[in-house]
Protein backbone atom coordinates (compact mmCIF):
# COMPACT_ATOMS: atom_id res chain seq x y z
CA MET A 1 -10.81 -3.26 15.86
CA ASP A 2 -10.74 -1.27 19.01
CA PHE A 3 -7.13 0.21 19.48
CA ARG A 4 -5.86 2.07 22.90
CA SER A 5 -3.08 2.94 24.87
CA LEU A 6 -2.56 1.24 28.24
CA ILE A 7 -0.65 2.60 30.96
CA ALA A 8 1.32 0.57 33.39
CA ALA A 9 4.91 1.04 34.85
CA ARG A 10 7.64 -0.02 33.76
CA GLY A 11 8.51 -3.49 35.30
CA ALA A 12 4.77 -4.28 35.91
CA LEU A 13 3.59 -6.14 33.55
CA SER A 14 2.26 -8.67 35.62
CA GLY A 15 -0.46 -6.61 36.95
CA VAL A 16 -1.61 -5.85 33.19
CA ILE A 17 -5.37 -6.82 32.90
CA ALA A 18 -5.91 -8.25 29.11
CA ASP A 19 -7.18 -11.75 27.70
CA ALA A 20 -3.96 -11.88 26.27
CA LEU A 21 -0.46 -10.50 27.01
CA VAL A 22 1.82 -10.27 23.54
CA VAL A 23 5.78 -9.28 25.73
CA VAL A 24 7.77 -8.49 22.96
CA VAL A 25 11.43 -8.88 24.38
CA ALA A 26 14.20 -7.20 22.41
CA GLY A 27 17.73 -6.76 23.08
CA GLU A 28 19.73 -9.38 25.27
CA LEU A 29 17.80 -11.35 27.84
CA LYS A 30 19.78 -9.61 30.73
CA GLN A 31 18.38 -6.23 29.52
CA GLN A 32 14.72 -7.09 29.62
CA THR A 33 12.28 -4.93 32.61
CA LEU A 34 10.46 -7.53 33.49
CA ASP A 35 8.98 -8.29 36.98
CA LYS A 36 9.70 -11.57 38.78
CA PRO A 37 7.07 -13.74 37.27
CA LEU A 38 7.85 -12.74 33.70
CA ALA A 39 11.53 -12.60 34.16
CA ASP A 40 11.63 -16.35 35.44
CA ALA A 41 9.55 -17.80 33.75
CA LEU A 42 11.77 -16.37 30.72
CA GLN A 43 15.03 -17.25 32.05
CA ASP A 44 13.52 -20.65 33.01
CA ALA A 45 12.24 -20.89 28.89
CA VAL A 46 15.46 -20.15 27.57
CA ASN A 47 17.41 -22.08 30.09
CA GLN A 48 15.28 -25.31 29.47
CA GLY A 49 15.96 -24.46 25.63
CA ASP A 50 12.08 -23.83 25.02
CA LEU A 51 12.74 -20.37 23.82
CA GLN A 52 15.35 -19.19 21.49
CA TRP A 53 16.76 -15.97 21.42
CA LYS A 54 15.89 -15.41 17.44
CA PRO A 55 14.15 -13.14 15.88
CA GLY A 56 9.87 -13.64 15.52
CA ARG A 57 10.45 -17.08 17.95
CA VAL A 58 7.55 -17.22 20.41
CA LEU A 59 6.53 -19.11 23.46
CA TYR A 60 3.24 -19.39 25.02
CA LEU A 61 2.66 -19.49 28.59
CA HIS A 62 -0.76 -20.72 29.77
CA ARG A 63 -1.61 -19.34 33.65
CA LEU A 64 1.20 -18.27 34.52
CA PRO A 65 1.31 -17.70 38.61
CA GLY A 66 1.66 -14.53 39.25
CA VAL A 67 0.49 -12.96 36.42
CA LYS A 68 -3.19 -11.89 36.02
CA ALA A 69 -3.69 -12.06 32.16
CA PRO A 70 -4.37 -16.16 31.57
CA ARG A 71 -2.25 -16.28 28.03
CA VAL A 72 1.05 -14.66 28.01
CA ILE A 73 2.71 -14.57 24.53
CA VAL A 74 6.61 -14.18 24.33
CA ALA A 75 8.12 -12.48 20.55
CA VAL A 76 11.90 -12.01 20.38
CA ALA A 77 12.65 -9.19 18.38
CA ALA A 78 16.12 -8.82 18.35
CA ASP A 79 18.02 -5.45 17.85
CA GLY A 80 14.10 -3.82 18.38
CA THR A 81 14.83 -2.18 14.88
CA ALA A 82 10.37 -1.71 13.96
CA LYS A 83 11.21 -4.20 11.30
CA ALA A 84 12.22 -6.94 13.82
CA ILE A 85 9.07 -5.99 16.20
CA ARG A 86 6.71 -6.04 13.40
CA THR A 87 8.23 -9.63 13.10
CA ALA A 88 7.40 -10.99 16.54
CA VAL A 89 4.11 -9.15 16.78
CA GLN A 90 2.70 -10.99 13.80
CA ALA A 91 4.47 -13.90 15.11
CA ALA A 92 2.87 -13.33 18.73
CA LEU A 93 -0.40 -12.53 17.20
CA GLY A 94 -0.44 -15.87 14.91
CA GLN A 95 -0.36 -17.31 17.98
CA ALA A 96 -3.10 -15.22 19.71
CA LYS A 97 -5.32 -15.97 17.14
CA GLY A 98 -5.41 -19.49 17.89
CA THR A 99 -7.24 -18.78 21.42
CA GLY A 100 -10.03 -17.64 22.69
CA ALA A 101 -8.59 -13.95 23.55
CA LYS A 102 -11.02 -11.20 22.46
CA HIS A 103 -8.27 -8.26 24.13
CA VAL A 104 -4.97 -8.11 23.54
CA ALA A 105 -2.17 -6.12 25.22
CA VAL A 106 1.07 -5.74 23.74
CA ALA A 107 4.26 -4.68 25.77
CA TYR A 108 7.50 -3.91 25.14
CA ALA A 109 10.79 -4.98 27.59
CA GLY A 110 14.12 -4.07 26.85
CA THR A 111 16.02 -0.68 26.90
CA GLY A 112 15.24 2.48 25.54
CA GLU A 113 11.49 3.97 25.41
CA LEU A 114 8.04 3.08 23.39
CA GLY A 115 7.59 5.54 20.19
CA ALA A 116 5.23 6.15 17.80
CA GLU A 117 6.65 3.71 15.41
CA HIS A 118 6.07 0.71 17.87
CA ALA A 119 2.30 1.39 18.28
CA GLU A 120 1.90 1.67 14.76
CA VAL A 121 3.35 -1.43 14.11
CA ALA A 122 0.90 -3.38 16.35
CA VAL A 123 -1.71 -1.42 15.13
CA THR A 124 -1.12 -2.98 11.49
CA SER A 125 0.03 -6.30 12.12
CA ALA A 126 -3.03 -6.60 14.29
CA ALA A 127 -5.18 -5.13 11.30
CA ASP A 128 -3.18 -7.64 9.06
CA ALA A 129 -4.04 -10.33 11.40
CA VAL A 130 -7.45 -10.18 11.34
CA TYR A 131 -8.37 -9.13 8.03
CA THR A 132 -10.44 -11.77 6.15
CA TYR A 133 -12.45 -11.51 2.63
CA ARG A 134 -15.75 -12.20 2.71
CA HIS A 135 -17.71 -9.81 -0.27
CA THR A 136 -17.75 -12.80 -2.26
CA LYS A 137 -17.57 -15.95 0.13
CA PRO A 138 -20.46 -16.19 2.29
CA SER A 139 -18.68 -19.42 3.81
CA ALA A 140 -15.36 -17.75 4.80
CA GLN A 141 -14.00 -18.78 8.42
CA PRO A 142 -15.61 -16.60 11.48
CA ALA A 143 -13.97 -13.84 12.15
CA PRO A 144 -11.04 -14.14 14.75
CA ALA A 145 -12.24 -13.34 17.92
CA LEU A 146 -9.51 -10.34 18.48
CA GLN A 147 -11.35 -7.15 18.52
CA LYS A 148 -9.42 -4.76 20.89
CA LEU A 149 -5.84 -4.12 20.78
CA SER A 150 -3.75 -2.06 23.97
CA VAL A 151 -0.59 -0.90 23.48
CA VAL A 152 1.38 -0.72 26.92
CA CYS A 153 3.16 2.27 27.89
CA THR A 154 4.14 4.67 30.89
CA LYS A 155 2.51 8.21 30.72
CA THR A 156 5.21 9.84 29.50
CA GLU A 157 5.03 7.22 26.56
CA SER A 158 1.58 7.60 26.40
CA LYS A 159 1.52 10.81 23.68
CA ALA A 160 3.97 8.95 21.32
CA VAL A 161 1.91 6.44 21.58
CA GLN A 162 -1.24 7.85 21.29
CA ALA A 163 0.00 9.28 17.92
CA GLY A 164 1.11 6.10 16.32
CA LEU A 165 -2.04 4.15 17.58
CA ALA A 166 -4.12 7.18 15.77
CA ARG A 167 -1.78 6.87 12.16
CA GLY A 168 -1.35 2.79 12.58
CA GLU A 169 -4.91 2.75 12.49
CA ALA A 170 -5.41 5.01 9.93
CA ILE A 171 -2.90 3.00 7.86
CA ALA A 172 -4.61 -0.43 8.55
CA GLU A 173 -8.02 0.95 7.50
CA GLY A 174 -6.35 2.51 3.95
CA VAL A 175 -4.92 -1.13 3.40
CA ARG A 176 -8.23 -2.70 3.92
CA LEU A 177 -9.76 -0.25 1.48
CA ALA A 178 -7.47 -1.25 -1.27
CA ARG A 179 -7.07 -4.96 -0.15
CA GLU A 180 -11.30 -5.24 -0.18
CA CYS A 181 -10.94 -3.36 -3.62
CA ALA A 182 -8.48 -5.66 -5.51
CA ASN A 183 -9.63 -8.59 -4.19
CA ARG A 184 -13.17 -8.33 -5.60
CA PRO A 185 -13.41 -10.15 -8.61
CA ALA A 186 -13.80 -8.62 -11.92
CA ASN A 187 -17.88 -8.24 -12.09
CA HIS A 188 -17.88 -6.72 -8.87
CA ALA A 189 -15.00 -4.09 -9.04
CA THR A 190 -15.75 -1.99 -12.20
CA PRO A 191 -14.99 0.88 -13.30
CA THR A 192 -17.80 2.23 -11.74
CA PHE A 193 -17.58 0.65 -8.75
CA LEU A 194 -14.00 2.15 -7.96
CA ALA A 195 -15.94 5.78 -8.83
CA ASP A 196 -18.92 4.95 -6.19
CA GLN A 197 -15.93 4.41 -3.52
CA ALA A 198 -14.57 7.51 -4.53
CA ARG A 199 -17.88 9.32 -4.29
CA GLN A 200 -18.06 7.73 -0.33
CA LEU A 201 -15.11 8.67 0.45
CA GLY A 202 -15.64 12.19 -0.57
CA LYS A 203 -19.05 11.74 1.13
CA GLN A 204 -17.29 10.84 4.63
CA PHE A 205 -14.79 13.06 4.77
CA GLY A 206 -15.45 15.89 2.49
CA PHE A 207 -13.23 14.93 -0.31
CA LYS A 208 -14.20 17.05 -3.62
CA VAL A 209 -15.27 13.95 -6.07
CA GLU A 210 -15.41 14.59 -9.90
CA VAL A 211 -16.23 11.84 -12.17
CA LEU A 212 -15.52 11.37 -16.09
CA ASP A 213 -17.47 10.03 -18.55
CA ARG A 214 -16.40 8.86 -21.95
CA LYS A 215 -17.89 11.72 -23.49
CA ALA A 216 -16.42 13.90 -20.81
CA VAL A 217 -12.89 12.15 -21.86
CA GLU A 218 -13.25 12.18 -25.51
CA LYS A 219 -13.49 16.14 -25.30
CA LEU A 220 -10.45 16.05 -23.40
CA GLY A 221 -8.80 14.64 -25.68
CA MET A 222 -7.34 11.52 -24.04
CA GLY A 223 -6.79 9.79 -27.60
CA SER A 224 -4.47 7.06 -25.36
CA PHE A 225 -6.67 5.92 -22.38
CA LEU A 226 -9.94 6.11 -24.96
CA ALA A 227 -7.87 3.48 -26.99
CA VAL A 228 -7.70 0.99 -24.16
CA ALA A 229 -10.86 1.25 -23.07
CA GLN A 230 -12.93 0.86 -26.27
CA GLY A 231 -12.85 -2.87 -26.81
CA SER A 232 -14.65 -3.41 -23.63
CA ASP A 233 -18.63 -3.22 -23.25
CA GLU A 234 -17.81 -1.46 -19.75
CA PRO A 235 -17.88 2.04 -19.58
CA LEU A 236 -14.78 3.81 -18.53
CA ARG A 237 -14.73 6.50 -15.68
CA PHE A 238 -11.77 8.84 -15.12
CA ILE A 239 -11.78 9.81 -11.28
CA VAL A 240 -10.55 12.73 -9.49
CA VAL A 241 -10.66 13.60 -5.77
CA ARG A 242 -9.13 16.15 -3.81
CA TYR A 243 -8.23 16.70 -0.54
CA GLU A 244 -7.97 20.15 0.57
CA GLY A 245 -5.81 20.37 3.91
CA ALA A 246 -3.52 23.66 2.97
CA ALA A 247 -4.19 26.68 2.15
CA LYS A 248 -4.96 27.14 -1.63
CA SER A 249 -1.62 28.60 -3.07
CA GLN A 250 0.19 25.35 -1.61
CA ALA A 251 0.91 23.20 -4.45
CA PRO A 252 -1.06 19.84 -4.46
CA VAL A 253 0.46 16.13 -3.99
CA VAL A 254 -0.94 13.84 -7.03
CA LEU A 255 -0.67 10.48 -6.99
CA VAL A 256 -1.93 8.58 -10.19
CA GLY A 257 -3.39 5.35 -10.55
CA LYS A 258 -3.88 2.66 -12.98
CA GLY A 259 -7.12 1.37 -12.59
CA ILE A 260 -6.97 -1.21 -15.08
CA THR A 261 -10.41 -3.38 -13.51
CA PHE A 262 -9.54 -6.43 -15.54
CA ASP A 263 -6.22 -6.51 -17.90
CA THR A 264 -6.90 -9.70 -20.96
CA GLY A 265 -3.76 -8.43 -22.61
CA GLY A 266 -6.24 -7.24 -25.16
CA ILE A 267 -5.31 -8.61 -28.93
CA SER A 268 -1.95 -9.18 -27.45
CA ILE A 269 -4.11 -11.99 -25.48
CA LYS A 270 -2.34 -13.49 -22.28
CA PRO A 271 -2.19 -16.78 -21.67
CA SER A 272 -4.88 -18.05 -19.85
CA ALA A 273 -2.51 -19.92 -16.96
CA GLU A 274 -3.44 -17.31 -13.76
CA MET A 275 -5.16 -14.42 -15.72
CA ASP A 276 -7.90 -14.46 -13.24
CA GLU A 277 -4.65 -12.57 -10.94
CA MET A 278 -5.67 -9.71 -13.57
CA LYS A 279 -8.47 -8.66 -11.51
CA PHE A 280 -5.30 -7.29 -8.93
CA ASP A 281 -4.64 -5.24 -11.78
CA MET A 282 -6.37 -1.91 -10.77
CA GLY A 283 -3.93 -2.56 -7.25
CA GLY A 284 -2.91 1.12 -8.11
CA ALA A 285 -5.86 2.68 -8.14
CA ALA A 286 -6.53 0.79 -5.23
CA SER A 287 -3.63 2.32 -3.13
CA VAL A 288 -4.53 5.91 -4.39
CA LEU A 289 -8.02 4.99 -2.29
CA GLY A 290 -6.69 3.21 0.23
CA THR A 291 -3.92 6.37 0.92
CA LEU A 292 -6.82 8.93 0.52
CA ARG A 293 -8.95 7.11 3.24
CA ALA A 294 -5.66 7.52 5.63
CA ILE A 295 -5.14 11.40 4.60
CA GLY A 296 -9.05 12.01 5.85
CA GLU A 297 -8.19 10.43 9.04
CA LEU A 298 -5.41 11.96 10.21
CA LYS A 299 -6.03 15.26 8.17
CA PRO A 300 -2.79 16.62 7.71
CA LYS A 301 -2.29 20.05 6.48
CA VAL A 302 -1.60 19.41 2.89
CA ASN A 303 -3.33 18.89 -0.51
CA LEU A 304 -3.63 15.80 -1.99
CA VAL A 305 -5.19 15.09 -5.29
CA GLY A 306 -6.05 11.57 -6.87
CA ILE A 307 -6.14 10.72 -10.34
CA ILE A 308 -7.61 7.56 -11.04
CA PRO A 309 -8.14 6.72 -15.51
CA ALA A 310 -10.47 3.28 -14.82
CA CYS A 311 -11.88 1.05 -17.75
CA GLU A 312 -11.11 -2.81 -19.04
CA ASN A 313 -8.76 -4.39 -21.54
CA MET A 314 -10.75 -6.79 -23.77
CA PRO A 315 -10.26 -8.08 -27.01
CA SER A 316 -13.05 -7.47 -29.58
CA GLY A 317 -13.99 -5.71 -32.57
CA ARG A 318 -13.71 -2.69 -31.25
CA ALA A 319 -10.47 -3.54 -29.96
CA VAL A 320 -7.34 -1.23 -30.34
CA LYS A 321 -5.10 -3.43 -32.74
CA PRO A 322 -1.20 -3.88 -32.56
CA GLY A 323 -0.09 -0.98 -34.69
CA ASP A 324 -2.87 0.95 -34.28
CA VAL A 325 -1.48 4.74 -33.99
CA VAL A 326 -3.59 6.59 -31.21
CA THR A 327 -2.92 10.76 -30.38
CA SER A 328 -2.26 11.42 -26.55
CA MET A 329 -3.93 14.33 -24.22
CA SER A 330 -0.71 15.55 -24.92
CA GLY A 331 -0.74 16.04 -28.37
CA GLN A 332 2.60 13.16 -29.08
CA THR A 333 1.20 9.77 -30.73
CA ILE A 334 1.88 6.89 -29.97
CA GLU A 335 2.09 3.57 -31.72
CA ILE A 336 0.77 0.84 -29.57
CA LEU A 337 3.14 -2.28 -30.51
CA ASN A 338 1.65 -4.41 -27.82
CA THR A 339 -1.73 -3.67 -26.82
CA ASP A 340 -0.90 -5.62 -23.60
CA ALA A 341 1.51 -2.84 -22.07
CA GLU A 342 -2.11 -0.97 -22.03
CA GLY A 343 -1.00 0.49 -17.90
CA ARG A 344 1.16 3.23 -19.47
CA LEU A 345 -1.38 4.52 -21.82
CA ILE A 346 -4.09 5.20 -19.67
CA LEU A 347 -1.42 6.59 -17.33
CA CYS A 348 0.20 8.94 -19.59
CA ASP A 349 -3.07 10.96 -20.06
CA ALA A 350 -3.94 10.80 -16.75
CA LEU A 351 -0.36 12.42 -16.40
CA THR A 352 -0.84 15.27 -18.80
CA TYR A 353 -4.18 15.61 -17.23
CA ALA A 354 -2.50 16.38 -13.73
CA GLU A 355 -0.42 19.53 -14.95
CA ARG A 356 -4.32 21.52 -14.57
CA PHE A 357 -2.89 21.46 -10.88
CA LYS A 358 0.47 22.83 -10.94
CA PRO A 359 1.41 20.03 -8.78
CA ALA A 360 4.49 20.16 -5.96
CA VAL A 361 5.22 16.61 -7.20
CA VAL A 362 3.23 13.92 -9.32
CA VAL A 363 4.01 9.72 -7.82
CA ASP A 364 1.62 7.12 -10.33
CA ILE A 365 1.48 3.89 -8.82
CA ALA A 366 1.12 1.07 -11.38
CA THR A 367 0.74 -2.86 -11.68
CA LEU A 368 3.01 -2.14 -14.79
CA THR A 369 5.39 -4.73 -16.26
CA GLY A 370 6.15 -8.51 -15.73
CA ALA A 371 9.73 -7.24 -16.03
CA CYS A 372 9.98 -5.61 -12.73
CA VAL A 373 8.59 -9.14 -10.81
CA ILE A 374 11.62 -10.57 -12.91
CA ALA A 375 14.50 -7.97 -11.35
CA LEU A 376 12.69 -7.49 -7.58
CA GLY A 377 10.27 -10.08 -6.71
CA HIS A 378 8.04 -9.82 -4.47
CA HIS A 379 9.59 -7.99 -1.72
CA ASN A 380 10.34 -4.30 -3.09
CA SER A 381 8.48 -1.82 -5.10
CA GLY A 382 10.44 -0.37 -8.04
CA LEU A 383 10.99 3.35 -7.78
CA PHE A 384 11.58 5.37 -10.89
CA THR A 385 12.34 8.88 -10.90
CA ALA A 386 15.19 11.54 -12.50
CA ASP A 387 15.15 13.59 -9.37
CA ASP A 388 17.60 12.73 -6.94
CA ALA A 389 15.82 14.57 -3.90
CA LEU A 390 12.18 12.59 -5.04
CA ALA A 391 13.94 9.08 -4.30
CA ALA A 392 15.48 9.74 -1.09
CA GLU A 393 11.88 10.96 0.20
CA LEU A 394 10.10 8.25 -0.95
CA LEU A 395 12.53 5.53 0.28
CA ALA A 396 12.60 7.57 3.66
CA ALA A 397 8.91 7.19 3.38
CA SER A 398 9.46 3.40 2.98
CA ARG A 399 11.79 2.63 5.42
CA LYS A 400 9.42 3.90 7.79
CA ALA A 401 6.36 2.60 6.56
CA LEU A 402 8.22 -0.72 6.63
CA ASP A 403 6.68 -0.64 2.67
CA PRO A 404 10.31 -1.66 1.15
CA ALA A 405 11.16 0.09 -2.66
CA TRP A 406 14.23 -0.15 -4.46
CA ARG A 407 15.66 2.77 -6.70
CA MET A 408 15.53 1.29 -10.68
CA PRO A 409 17.36 3.48 -13.32
CA LEU A 410 16.09 5.84 -15.86
CA ASP A 411 19.13 6.91 -17.80
CA ASP A 412 18.35 8.57 -21.00
CA GLU A 413 20.00 5.68 -22.80
CA TYR A 414 16.47 3.44 -22.34
CA GLU A 415 14.78 5.88 -24.04
CA GLU A 416 16.35 4.77 -27.67
CA GLY A 417 14.18 1.32 -26.96
CA LEU A 418 10.57 3.31 -27.80
CA LYS A 419 11.40 4.77 -31.30
CA SER A 420 9.07 4.24 -33.93
CA ASN A 421 8.81 4.78 -37.53
CA PHE A 422 5.49 5.61 -37.65
CA ALA A 423 4.69 7.50 -33.93
CA ASP A 424 6.42 9.77 -31.85
CA MET A 425 6.97 6.43 -30.03
CA GLY A 426 6.18 3.27 -29.51
CA ASN A 427 4.55 2.28 -26.01
CA VAL A 428 7.16 -1.11 -25.68
CA GLY A 429 10.48 -1.04 -26.20
CA SER A 430 12.82 -5.01 -26.14
CA ARG A 431 12.32 -7.60 -23.83
CA ALA A 432 15.53 -6.31 -22.08
CA GLY A 433 14.76 -3.63 -19.61
CA GLY A 434 10.81 -3.72 -19.53
CA ALA A 435 10.39 -2.08 -16.58
CA ILE A 436 12.87 0.50 -17.18
CA THR A 437 11.31 1.35 -20.64
CA ALA A 438 8.23 1.41 -19.59
CA ALA A 439 9.16 4.02 -16.69
CA MET A 440 10.86 6.05 -19.49
CA PHE A 441 7.64 5.99 -21.38
CA LEU A 442 5.69 7.74 -18.80
CA LYS A 443 8.76 10.26 -18.31
CA LYS A 444 8.05 11.84 -21.74
CA PHE A 445 4.35 13.10 -20.14
CA THR A 446 5.94 14.50 -17.26
CA GLY A 447 8.04 17.18 -17.87
CA LYS A 448 6.33 19.79 -16.53
CA TYR A 449 6.61 19.04 -12.40
CA ARG A 450 8.71 16.29 -10.39
CA TRP A 451 7.59 13.02 -10.95
CA ALA A 452 8.22 9.96 -9.84
CA HIS A 453 6.79 6.36 -10.82
CA LEU A 454 6.14 3.41 -8.23
CA ASP A 455 5.59 -0.23 -10.09
CA ILE A 456 4.16 -2.77 -7.99
CA ALA A 457 3.46 -5.55 -9.68
CA GLY A 458 5.27 -7.59 -7.73
CA THR A 459 4.15 -6.68 -4.59
CA ALA A 460 0.54 -5.83 -4.67
CA TRP A 461 -1.21 -8.76 -4.55
CA LYS A 462 -0.24 -12.93 -3.71
CA SER A 463 -0.07 -15.65 -5.63
CA GLY A 464 -0.49 -19.26 -4.32
CA ALA A 465 -2.52 -20.61 -1.27
CA ALA A 466 -2.20 -16.68 0.39
CA LYS A 467 -3.74 -15.25 -2.90
CA GLY A 468 -4.91 -11.85 -2.26
CA ALA A 469 -4.30 -7.93 -2.48
CA THR A 470 -1.89 -6.69 0.20
CA GLY A 471 -2.75 -3.10 0.11
CA ARG A 472 0.51 -2.26 -0.49
CA PRO A 473 2.00 0.53 -1.26
CA VAL A 474 -0.76 2.41 0.66
CA PRO A 475 1.90 2.40 3.78
CA LEU A 476 4.60 3.96 2.06
CA LEU A 477 2.35 6.48 -0.01
CA THR A 478 0.48 7.93 3.48
CA HIS A 479 3.91 8.23 5.02
CA PHE A 480 5.43 10.32 2.13
CA VAL A 481 1.61 12.36 2.11
CA LEU A 482 2.74 13.39 5.27
CA SER A 483 6.09 13.97 5.37
CA GLN A 484 4.87 16.39 2.25
CA ALA A 485 2.58 18.20 4.99
CA ARG A 486 5.92 19.69 6.39
CA GLN A 487 7.61 21.03 3.46
CA PRO A 488 6.90 24.81 3.48
CA ALA A 489 4.11 26.11 0.82
CA ALA A 490 4.87 26.63 -2.80
């Protein structure tokens, strides 16, 4: 899609030329800064009960006299917060999709100036509205007619709007890449495919890309990662991508994404119902690739490293068995009590590998536990860290990105559940607090740097009729990396 700003004086929306004009109204009715044709139509619709002044309500007006745009869609944003505006824009664009409009202009009415966050919301909402997965479904519905979106603003607002458009478009492209990778079936989205995606990003944005094979991983002593991969005929890949946007002296931000391209559970095999959705178990890896793409577009002054351990978790005569003990790259031994708790086994070696970059901060992202879904549902990602300042930074990024997360406990007492009689630790604890003990397991490999863990098992994809990847938490991660670019160099 083509995203741009469109200059118009406040209160002169009737003269905006577009196939459809979306008017987002916030605040009270009397506060709307609309010229007479639009103001009269809005007041009449409210008086007649055709438009309720509630968040997300929309009104479609066709060929309104005195208005150049042939289609007008009024959407209510209530308090005018970014979240309310997103709800309004999404509802309006849903209405516009059913028309032949190719160019939609989004304008905001009410008090206050238009900011970058408003433009970003418009772009990401539009990108979400037009996304359709087609790679293995050639019979998919044709692309929506919407090809161009303009954000209407005044001259004084244009600089902020341009910044918001750029950020929104970069995030939207990152989300699209993450969704596209995760939506592909496991016979397409293999570890090798993820490595190829990383190499393509390297060529496009000048990233340094290194892909390690089994022999290189063995040499590094990643016994935990190797144990998970050994049951599959599909070769593992350990992917490292580096963006260097700041001085070499500045410690990098490191993102580690779980890349299980299909998870059967291994010998501890999963129930067959909905097992097809385990193609989404590389949602963490997909989000790292998507964030790298967004950062490549925006080029902030920050150093960023993406690490993706990628493999399948399959049952076979070679597969790791419950009770096996393996030695991680850190030298710590692990009793594998449940082969379906494999994500933490590949992440722990990647977290140890991250030490070599002497990072400013490490964030791992993983569709790690069903327990997190039970705890938080599908709205908030689970955030785990013992660092209060880091938690505050990530939560601030989640709010700014409208990509919510909720901080979970990480008290030392939870570590008791990981004790083993035969190794330094077991890979699972009891069922109670399963998402927390999983995070406690990872914490054992992060003592040399600031660290946080995002459990996205409930947010990386949707089930049911809307089944598909969401691209989360690319928006959160992108805003977090951008915020680190404003921190002083190490």
